[in-house]
Amino acid sequence: MSMEAKSKRRTFEVDRRPDDKEGAPLARELAGAQLGSAVIVTDFSEGLFGQVALTAAFEALKSSSTVVASGDLSSVKQMLASQAIALNTIFVEMGRRAALNLTAHPKAAEDRLRMAFRAQNQCRMTLETLANIVNPPTVFARQANITSGPQQVNNDMRTFARVEGGSTPPNELLEQKHGTSDRMDAGAQGKARNRHQELAPLGAVHRAKKQRG
């Protein structure tokens, strides 16, 4: 039965402020982002590089994160580019091992191909993230003005905004002035009225007979 090795106690040096209480400096750094990451970095790198001082790793991470927070993303770009290359290396190696087992051990070859394709997909996603940092995508959005009513202003001049109820906003020329309605439009055409009554036919004209001289 295997048992996990007990965690090693690490020495960590922190700056103490004059008004700090007991344990406050360590608690302040634990609440931050760098100390926990420094623990992970030192634990995972110990097998290759030996024990790394926790304080030195903390100071290095704090310095790097400060640079990134200021807007300098050069280190982030370098990290993503390096990770993409490493992932591509895993893809090539897993593909090579799959080819060696393809005939004699097809199941093992299939497993290694799956690992190769996972590494390839992670490489693609890493490069996509790097491309978005270098050239951020442009977002086009329509302008919307929210006033007292549910109105929307579109950049397309062919679209007219309408207020609630489906009617168009009133025009200034249609405003009522001094209690009377002065409108440019005479309104809907009414029914034609028969103003001229039917005329009776004229009677015979009685003219004076022409007298002979």
Protein backbone atom coordinates (compact mmCIF):
# COMPACT_ATOMS: atom_id res chain seq x y z
CA MET A 1 0.00 0.00 0.00
CA SER A 2 1.55 3.24 -1.12
CA MET A 3 1.26 6.35 0.96
CA GLU A 4 1.77 9.93 -0.08
CA ALA A 5 4.90 11.53 1.26
CA LYS A 6 4.33 14.19 3.84
CA SER A 7 4.55 17.70 2.55
CA LYS A 8 7.81 19.41 3.23
CA ARG A 9 7.78 22.54 5.28
CA ARG A 10 9.09 25.45 3.27
CA THR A 11 10.78 28.58 4.56
CA PHE A 12 9.18 31.75 3.34
CA GLU A 13 10.44 35.20 4.15
CA VAL A 14 8.04 38.13 4.09
CA ASP A 15 8.37 41.80 4.85
CA ARG A 16 6.73 42.81 8.10
CA ARG A 17 5.00 46.18 8.44
CA PRO A 18 5.30 48.19 11.66
CA ASP A 19 1.60 47.80 12.50
CA ASP A 20 1.33 44.12 11.55
CA LYS A 21 0.00 41.69 14.09
CA GLU A 22 1.33 38.17 14.58
CA GLY A 23 0.89 36.13 11.41
CA ALA A 24 -0.46 39.08 9.39
CA PRO A 25 2.38 39.19 6.79
CA LEU A 26 1.98 35.52 5.87
CA ALA A 27 -1.83 35.77 5.82
CA ARG A 28 -1.62 38.80 3.53
CA GLU A 29 0.54 36.95 1.01
CA LEU A 30 -1.62 33.82 1.22
CA ALA A 31 -4.63 35.95 0.27
CA GLY A 32 -2.76 37.13 -2.82
CA ALA A 33 -2.17 35.28 -6.06
CA GLN A 34 1.58 34.72 -6.16
CA LEU A 35 2.37 32.62 -3.07
CA GLY A 36 0.09 29.70 -3.95
CA SER A 37 1.41 29.67 -7.50
CA ALA A 38 4.99 29.73 -6.18
CA VAL A 39 4.26 26.61 -4.11
CA ILE A 40 2.98 24.77 -7.20
CA VAL A 41 5.97 25.87 -9.29
CA THR A 42 8.51 24.70 -6.72
CA ASP A 43 6.76 21.37 -6.06
CA PHE A 44 6.38 20.40 -9.72
CA SER A 45 9.87 21.51 -10.72
CA GLU A 46 11.67 19.80 -7.84
CA GLY A 47 11.93 16.46 -9.66
CA LEU A 48 13.90 18.03 -12.50
CA PHE A 49 15.78 20.92 -10.89
CA GLY A 50 15.90 20.03 -7.24
CA GLN A 51 14.47 22.10 -4.42
CA VAL A 52 13.89 25.73 -5.34
CA ALA A 53 13.66 28.39 -2.66
CA LEU A 54 10.02 29.33 -2.15
CA THR A 55 10.86 32.97 -1.47
CA ALA A 56 12.85 33.26 -4.71
CA ALA A 57 10.01 31.71 -6.72
CA PHE A 58 7.53 34.05 -5.03
CA GLU A 59 9.57 37.14 -5.85
CA ALA A 60 9.98 36.05 -9.48
CA LEU A 61 6.25 35.45 -9.91
CA LYS A 62 5.42 38.74 -8.24
CA SER A 63 7.76 40.62 -10.56
CA SER A 64 6.36 38.92 -13.69
CA SER A 65 2.73 39.47 -12.71
CA THR A 66 3.41 43.13 -12.00
CA VAL A 67 4.78 43.59 -15.51
CA VAL A 68 1.73 41.89 -17.04
CA ALA A 69 -0.64 43.96 -14.91
CA SER A 70 0.98 47.13 -16.23
CA GLY A 71 -0.03 46.16 -19.77
CA ASP A 72 3.18 44.57 -21.05
CA LEU A 73 2.08 41.20 -22.49
CA SER A 74 5.41 40.22 -24.04
CA SER A 75 6.04 37.51 -21.43
CA VAL A 76 2.53 36.11 -21.93
CA LYS A 77 3.06 35.91 -25.69
CA GLN A 78 6.39 34.15 -25.21
CA MET A 79 4.81 31.68 -22.79
CA LEU A 80 1.95 30.82 -25.16
CA ALA A 81 4.31 30.42 -28.10
CA SER A 82 6.54 28.10 -26.06
CA GLN A 83 3.57 26.04 -24.89
CA ALA A 84 2.33 25.65 -28.46
CA ILE A 85 5.71 24.31 -29.52
CA ALA A 86 5.79 21.89 -26.57
CA LEU A 87 2.28 20.63 -27.38
CA ASN A 88 3.24 20.11 -30.99
CA THR A 89 6.23 18.05 -29.80
CA ILE A 90 3.88 15.80 -27.80
CA PHE A 91 1.66 15.43 -30.89
CA VAL A 92 4.60 14.29 -33.01
CA GLU A 93 5.90 11.84 -30.40
CA MET A 94 2.49 10.25 -29.75
CA GLY A 95 1.95 9.93 -33.49
CA ARG A 96 5.32 8.20 -33.85
CA ARG A 97 4.53 5.73 -31.07
CA ALA A 98 1.12 5.01 -32.58
CA ALA A 99 2.76 4.15 -35.90
CA LEU A 100 5.13 1.69 -34.19
CA ASN A 101 2.21 -0.20 -32.57
CA LEU A 102 -0.26 0.06 -35.43
CA THR A 103 0.19 -3.51 -36.70
CA ALA A 104 1.10 -5.54 -33.62
CA HIS A 105 -0.89 -3.63 -30.99
CA PRO A 106 -3.77 -1.72 -32.62
CA LYS A 107 -5.41 -0.89 -29.27
CA ALA A 108 -2.23 0.72 -27.96
CA ALA A 109 -1.86 2.56 -31.27
CA GLU A 110 -5.40 3.91 -30.94
CA ASP A 111 -4.73 5.19 -27.42
CA ARG A 112 -1.60 6.98 -28.53
CA LEU A 113 -3.39 8.50 -31.50
CA ARG A 114 -6.03 9.89 -29.15
CA MET A 115 -3.28 11.47 -27.03
CA ALA A 116 -1.71 12.89 -30.19
CA PHE A 117 -4.98 14.44 -31.32
CA ARG A 118 -5.60 15.92 -27.86
CA ALA A 119 -2.15 17.51 -27.90
CA GLN A 120 -2.82 18.81 -31.42
CA ASN A 121 -6.13 20.36 -30.35
CA GLN A 122 -4.54 21.99 -27.31
CA CYS A 123 -1.82 23.37 -29.56
CA ARG A 124 -4.46 24.85 -31.87
CA MET A 125 -6.32 26.46 -28.96
CA THR A 126 -3.09 27.91 -27.58
CA LEU A 127 -2.20 29.45 -30.93
CA GLU A 128 -5.74 30.81 -31.25
CA THR A 129 -5.43 32.48 -27.84
CA LEU A 130 -2.08 33.95 -28.85
CA ALA A 131 -3.57 35.29 -32.10
CA ASN A 132 -6.42 36.96 -30.21
CA ILE A 133 -3.94 38.69 -27.92
CA VAL A 134 -1.81 39.92 -30.81
CA ASN A 135 -4.79 40.97 -32.96
CA PRO A 136 -7.92 41.39 -30.82
CA PRO A 137 -11.16 40.79 -32.74
CA THR A 138 -13.19 43.84 -33.76
CA VAL A 139 -16.74 43.99 -32.46
CA PHE A 140 -19.37 45.93 -34.41
CA ALA A 141 -22.41 47.00 -32.41
CA ARG A 142 -25.42 49.10 -33.29
CA GLN A 143 -26.06 52.28 -31.36
CA ALA A 144 -29.02 52.17 -29.00
CA ASN A 145 -30.44 55.19 -27.15
CA ILE A 146 -32.71 54.47 -24.21
CA THR A 147 -34.70 57.54 -23.22
CA SER A 148 -38.03 57.93 -21.48
CA GLY A 149 -39.71 55.62 -23.97
CA PRO A 150 -38.79 52.35 -25.66
CA GLN A 151 -37.00 53.92 -28.59
CA GLN A 152 -34.12 52.60 -30.64
CA VAL A 153 -31.89 54.56 -32.99
CA ASN A 154 -30.42 52.52 -35.83
CA ASN A 155 -27.51 53.58 -37.97
CA ASP A 156 -29.46 52.47 -41.03
CA MET A 157 -31.36 55.56 -42.24
CA ARG A 158 -33.89 53.38 -43.98
CA THR A 159 -35.19 52.16 -40.62
CA PHE A 160 -37.40 54.58 -38.72
CA ALA A 161 -37.81 54.28 -34.99
CA ARG A 162 -41.33 53.95 -33.68
CA VAL A 163 -42.64 54.70 -30.23
CA GLU A 164 -44.85 52.42 -28.22
CA GLY A 165 -48.25 51.88 -29.82
CA GLY A 166 -46.92 51.80 -33.38
CA SER A 167 -47.37 55.51 -34.17
CA THR A 168 -44.64 57.80 -35.40
CA PRO A 169 -43.44 60.72 -33.25
CA PRO A 170 -45.36 63.96 -33.87
CA ASN A 171 -43.87 66.51 -36.20
CA GLU A 172 -43.40 70.09 -35.06
CA LEU A 173 -45.47 71.33 -37.98
CA LEU A 174 -48.39 69.31 -36.69
CA GLU A 175 -48.32 70.82 -33.21
CA GLN A 176 -51.39 72.69 -32.12
CA LYS A 177 -50.96 76.44 -31.86
CA HIS A 178 -53.20 78.73 -29.79
CA GLY A 179 -55.84 76.08 -29.35
CA THR A 180 -56.27 75.42 -33.07
CA SER A 181 -54.85 72.60 -35.11
CA ASP A 182 -52.69 73.89 -37.96
CA ARG A 183 -51.96 70.86 -40.05
CA MET A 184 -50.37 70.64 -43.41
CA ASP A 185 -52.54 67.67 -44.27
CA ALA A 186 -56.21 68.34 -44.81
CA GLY A 187 -57.07 64.91 -43.50
CA ALA A 188 -58.82 62.02 -45.15
CA GLN A 189 -60.99 62.83 -48.16
CA GLY A 190 -64.67 62.90 -47.28
CA LYS A 191 -67.62 61.80 -49.33
CA ALA A 192 -68.57 64.00 -52.27
CA ARG A 193 -71.58 66.21 -51.55
CA ASN A 194 -74.30 66.94 -54.11
CA ARG A 195 -74.29 70.73 -53.82
CA HIS A 196 -76.04 71.41 -57.19
CA GLN A 197 -79.67 70.30 -57.33
CA GLU A 198 -81.05 68.90 -60.49
CA LEU A 199 -82.29 71.73 -62.71
CA ALA A 200 -85.67 71.60 -64.41
CA PRO A 201 -85.72 71.99 -68.20
CA LEU A 202 -86.38 75.46 -69.53
CA GLY A 203 -89.74 76.17 -71.03
CA ALA A 204 -90.37 77.37 -74.55
CA VAL A 205 -89.11 80.81 -75.32
CA HIS A 206 -91.86 83.20 -76.48
CA ARG A 207 -90.31 85.72 -78.78
CA ALA A 208 -92.14 88.59 -80.39
CA LYS A 209 -93.31 87.83 -83.83
CA LYS A 210 -91.53 89.68 -86.58
CA GLN A 211 -93.72 92.38 -87.95
CA ARG A 212 -93.92 92.99 -91.59
CA GLY A 213 -93.51 96.51 -92.73
